Amino acid sequence: MSALGAGLLAEAWALLTAAPAPAVEVTGATGLDGPLPVPDLAVGAVAAQLLAARRPVTDAAVAVDAAHVGLAFRSERHAQVAGRPAGPGFAPLSRFWRTADGWLRLHGNYPHHRAAALRVLGEDVEAAAARWAAEELESAVVAAGGAAAAVRTPSAWANSPQGRAVAELPLIGLRRVADGAPRAVGLTGLRVLDLTRVIAGPVATRTLASYGADVLRIDSPRLPEDPAALVDTGPGKRHVALDLAAPADRRTVEELLAAADAVVQGYRPGALAAYGLDPAALAERHPHLVVVSLSAWGGEGPWRNRRGFDSLVQAATGIAAVCGTADAPGVLPAQALDHATGHLAAATVLGALARQRAEGGGWHGELSLARTAHWLLSAPRRPAEDGEPVDPARYLVTLPSATGTVTLVAPPGSPPWRAAAEFVGGTRPAWRPRT
């Protein structure tokens, strides 16, 4: 493989297969340069899922177009409906705020997170934040039910309890959790129950959908996702609203689980336990499943149950400090923690299915944005890429939808989706017949 992405691919592939990674040819440049090796992260993560999709035939040549990868990692910037931008972007509250001793990043895209931050800070956020110490304000917003992270240096994060806990985790955790006979399920018609939100988990499941998986995403009617965000993260999937607290809807979910092949979870660790949907409970009731869990901060440490997003993980782990200046923190050239973790999660589903074909049993995979950030901060840094600006037009795909033609960045290396996000209403959701 070209040096670009080789380190991440080697590490991920060994965790998925205990074998050396096959050769991959990489051409072009991602356009994701900066002080950290984001091109290596992006290309390596995409290469891992492309190879995993080809198992057990891993000697087939795999090529990665780095320019396509770079655009896919910024896919939300190119999503359009009927020729108009569809991406919601960051809410005004979702930015860095100067504090008495540094900086804090808030996330206020969801109304309940915005309300929590304003309960602590009031309407004049700038003036109020300037009176707080950053870590004290972080704790206050989190305690109020909001989402925030103080900007730390990499060394401060590494020496924190959560930083130490994350450093002990593998980039990808994959283990057999239940006994069972081998199962051979193809990619086309693979049944994936999608219990994810925001970007990382949806990137994983939209990737599986591009291979022909039947992906059914469930959202709560009490906590709906922004439809604009689903334009980019929802292609190839069916979306349904089910209330896990309602007995009838909960029975529907149980019926879907019984006939599913994989579950991808993107909620905070423990958030689904009240409904019997945590990995341990699923392994007990449905030992045939492959379950892959994504979180912001990882499954260990004092922050394991804390809310988090890519932007907050960048702030807390030291990425924002590395990407910034003496005057202000900065950001990565894309929400690369989300996208890379999403592709690695898709690779984990596919890798677990291959293990299941050979060894049987139920499997659980676990990844986190914070552990992906740890890899990015620890990886060797390289000179800037050589490459010209890329016209995105050749990488776009148009799909029909009920609200007008949807234009999206096609998935990098996997087949294009056949349909935009489909919203299922008024009928009881069911899996499509296998082909």
Foldseek 3Di string as FASTA:
>chain_A
DPPQLLVLLQQLCCQLPVDGAEDEAEDFALPQDFFFSLRNLQQNLLSLLLQLLPPPPNNDYHYFYNNLSNCLLAFLQVKDFQPHRLRPDADPQQQWAAACAGIKGFGCPFPQQVVLLCVQQPPCNNVSRNDDDHVVSQVSSQVSVHHMAAFDALVVLCPDQLNVVLVPDRQKHKDFDFFFAFDADHLAAAFEEEAADDFQSLLQVVQSLLQHYAYEYEDAPVRDHDVSRQQASFFSYEYEYAHLVDVVSLVLVVVSLQPHAEYEHEAQVPPCVVSLPHPNSCCVVRWNHAYEYEYARWCDGPCSRTHDDLVNLCRRNNVQVSRCDPVGGHDGPGSSLRNSSNSSSNSNRSSVSSCSNVPNTYMYMYHHSNSSVVCRVPDDDDDDDDHDDDDQPVQWDWADDPRHIIITRAPTRGHGGHHGYHYDPDDRDDRDDGD
